[in-house]
Protein backbone atom coordinates (compact mmCIF):
# COMPACT_ATOMS: atom_id res chain seq x y z
CA UNK A 1 -18.77 7.93 -0.68
CA UNK A 2 -16.56 10.13 1.48
CA UNK A 3 -16.15 13.15 -0.79
CA UNK A 4 -13.35 14.74 1.26
CA UNK A 5 -11.36 11.51 1.14
CA UNK A 6 -11.90 11.13 -2.61
CA UNK A 7 -10.77 14.72 -3.22
CA UNK A 8 -7.59 13.91 -1.30
CA UNK A 9 -6.88 11.01 -3.67
CA UNK A 10 -7.23 13.15 -6.77
CA UNK A 11 -4.21 14.43 -8.65
CA UNK A 12 -5.83 17.87 -8.71
CA UNK A 13 -6.79 18.40 -5.07
CA UNK A 14 -4.51 16.09 -3.06
CA UNK A 15 -2.18 18.92 -1.99
CA UNK A 16 -5.00 21.06 -0.57
CA UNK A 17 -5.46 21.13 3.21
CA UNK A 18 -8.33 19.00 4.51
CA UNK A 19 -10.21 22.14 5.59
CA UNK A 20 -10.27 23.31 1.96
CA UNK A 21 -11.22 19.87 0.66
CA UNK A 22 -14.17 20.02 3.10
CA UNK A 23 -15.33 23.26 1.49
CA UNK A 24 -14.98 21.76 -1.98
CA UNK A 25 -16.86 18.64 -0.89
CA UNK A 26 -19.84 20.81 0.02
CA UNK A 27 -20.38 21.66 -3.67
CA UNK A 28 -19.24 18.33 -5.20
CA UNK A 29 -22.13 16.42 -6.75
CA UNK A 30 -21.77 12.61 -7.01
CA UNK A 31 -22.68 11.13 -10.40
CA UNK A 32 -22.46 7.66 -11.88
CA UNK A 33 -22.20 6.79 -15.55
CA UNK A 34 -22.64 3.50 -17.37
CA UNK A 35 -20.27 2.20 -20.03
CA UNK A 36 -20.64 4.17 -23.28
CA UNK A 37 -22.51 7.06 -21.62
CA UNK A 38 -21.64 10.45 -23.08
CA UNK A 39 -20.54 12.55 -20.13
CA UNK A 40 -19.76 15.69 -22.13
CA UNK A 41 -20.21 16.57 -25.79
CA UNK A 42 -17.79 18.49 -28.01
CA UNK A 43 -19.18 21.88 -28.99
CA UNK A 44 -21.54 22.21 -26.02
CA UNK A 45 -21.08 24.87 -23.37
CA UNK A 46 -18.45 23.87 -20.80
CA UNK A 47 -20.12 24.15 -17.42
CA UNK A 48 -18.44 21.71 -15.05
CA UNK A 49 -15.23 20.15 -13.79
CA UNK A 50 -15.42 16.38 -13.31
CA UNK A 51 -13.22 14.31 -11.00
CA UNK A 52 -13.14 10.57 -11.73
CA UNK A 53 -13.52 8.71 -8.43
CA UNK A 54 -13.62 5.22 -9.89
CA UNK A 55 -13.68 4.15 -13.51
CA UNK A 56 -12.26 5.05 -16.89
CA UNK A 57 -13.24 7.57 -19.54
CA UNK A 58 -11.98 8.37 -23.02
CA UNK A 59 -11.79 11.81 -24.58
CA UNK A 60 -12.61 11.90 -28.29
CA UNK A 61 -12.14 14.85 -30.65
CA UNK A 62 -14.21 15.04 -33.83
CA UNK A 63 -12.07 16.50 -36.61
CA UNK A 64 -13.30 18.84 -39.33
CA UNK A 65 -13.22 15.83 -41.68
CA UNK A 66 -15.79 14.07 -39.48
CA UNK A 67 -13.28 11.52 -38.28
CA UNK A 68 -12.90 10.93 -34.56
CA UNK A 69 -9.55 10.78 -32.78
CA UNK A 70 -9.03 9.38 -29.30
CA UNK A 71 -7.15 12.05 -27.38
CA UNK A 72 -6.53 10.30 -24.08
CA UNK A 73 -7.91 7.74 -21.63
CA UNK A 74 -8.25 8.88 -18.00
CA UNK A 75 -8.80 6.77 -14.90
CA UNK A 76 -9.53 7.05 -11.21
CA UNK A 77 -8.10 10.18 -9.59
CA UNK A 78 -7.94 12.05 -12.90
CA UNK A 79 -10.17 14.92 -13.93
CA UNK A 80 -11.39 16.79 -16.98
CA UNK A 81 -13.26 20.00 -17.65
CA UNK A 82 -10.94 22.32 -15.75
CA UNK A 83 -11.12 24.91 -18.53
CA UNK A 84 -14.83 25.35 -17.73
CA UNK A 85 -13.74 26.86 -14.43
CA UNK A 86 -11.02 29.07 -15.92
CA UNK A 87 -12.64 30.09 -19.23
CA UNK A 88 -16.31 30.70 -18.57
CA UNK A 89 -18.48 30.59 -21.67
CA UNK A 90 -16.16 28.32 -23.68
CA UNK A 91 -17.38 25.22 -25.49
CA UNK A 92 -16.12 21.69 -24.99
CA UNK A 93 -13.15 20.71 -27.15
CA UNK A 94 -13.85 16.96 -26.83
CA UNK A 95 -16.59 14.43 -26.19
CA UNK A 96 -16.09 12.31 -23.08
CA UNK A 97 -17.38 8.73 -22.90
CA UNK A 98 -17.43 6.40 -19.90
CA UNK A 99 -15.59 3.20 -20.85
CA UNK A 100 -17.01 1.28 -17.89
CA UNK A 101 -19.23 1.97 -14.89
CA UNK A 102 -17.74 5.24 -13.63
CA UNK A 103 -18.30 7.22 -10.46
CA UNK A 104 -17.44 10.90 -10.40
CA UNK A 105 -17.66 14.09 -8.40
CA UNK A 106 -18.92 16.98 -10.53
CA UNK A 107 -18.37 20.65 -9.73
CA UNK A 108 -20.54 23.25 -11.44
CA UNK A 109 -18.17 25.90 -12.80
CA UNK A 110 -20.31 28.78 -11.54
CA UNK A 111 -20.66 27.20 -8.11
CA UNK A 112 -16.93 26.54 -7.85
CA UNK A 113 -16.05 30.04 -9.02
CA UNK A 114 -18.47 31.55 -6.50
CA UNK A 115 -16.93 29.50 -3.68
CA UNK A 116 -13.45 30.61 -4.76
CA UNK A 117 -14.53 34.26 -5.08
CA UNK A 118 -15.98 34.18 -1.56
CA UNK A 119 -12.89 32.47 -0.09
CA UNK A 120 -9.82 34.02 -1.75
CA UNK A 121 -7.36 31.67 -0.01
CA UNK A 122 -9.27 28.63 -1.25
CA UNK A 123 -9.59 30.28 -4.67
CA UNK A 124 -5.84 30.85 -4.82
CA UNK A 125 -5.17 27.20 -3.94
CA UNK A 126 -7.74 25.83 -6.40
CA UNK A 127 -6.54 27.96 -9.31
CA UNK A 128 -2.90 27.26 -8.48
CA UNK A 129 -3.72 23.53 -8.51
CA UNK A 130 -5.39 23.89 -11.91
CA UNK A 131 -2.41 25.90 -13.23
CA UNK A 132 0.12 23.34 -11.97
CA UNK A 133 -1.88 20.47 -13.43
CA UNK A 134 -2.24 22.28 -16.76
CA UNK A 135 1.50 22.95 -16.83
CA UNK A 136 2.18 19.22 -16.27
CA UNK A 137 -0.15 18.33 -19.13
CA UNK A 138 1.46 20.91 -21.44
CA UNK A 139 4.94 19.63 -20.55
CA UNK A 140 3.86 16.08 -21.41
CA UNK A 141 2.30 17.28 -24.67
CA UNK A 142 5.52 19.08 -25.66
CA UNK A 143 7.65 16.02 -24.89
CA UNK A 144 5.28 13.75 -26.83
CA UNK A 145 5.19 16.14 -29.79
CA UNK A 146 8.99 16.33 -29.91
CA UNK A 147 9.24 12.54 -29.72
CA UNK A 148 6.78 11.97 -32.56
CA UNK A 149 8.42 14.65 -34.70
CA UNK A 150 11.77 12.93 -34.23
CA UNK A 151 10.22 9.63 -35.34
CA UNK A 152 8.86 11.21 -38.51
CA UNK A 153 12.38 12.32 -39.51
CA UNK A 154 13.62 8.73 -39.69
């Protein structure tokens, strides 16, 4: 797997210069997961950012009632766990399951933060990418919420 190339395909890192993707590739750890594998568990310490190279995962949130709700399904080029990088010491808000054989690049949050601390330009670009991606997700959430609220009024 060419890690630099895969980072360039991701929605999170595609706008970074190749030189910065090379630096990120040096700390990206390839992992593979089988269908139904738990990749992350709700309530556990959030310690990594995961980029899906190939495959599909679903994010499930266990409610206080014990019921489970599917939050979203993510595919190749998507990512999850970005809050582990931004909010050190937080716990996972969801459990992530592989829906099929899935290949990923995993970044340890401490390792990624150390790389960004030691290279402020890279750090600026990485955190800006995370902020932009988070803003897109929030915008989508707001639009979806407004849509579903309008449906409930009818």
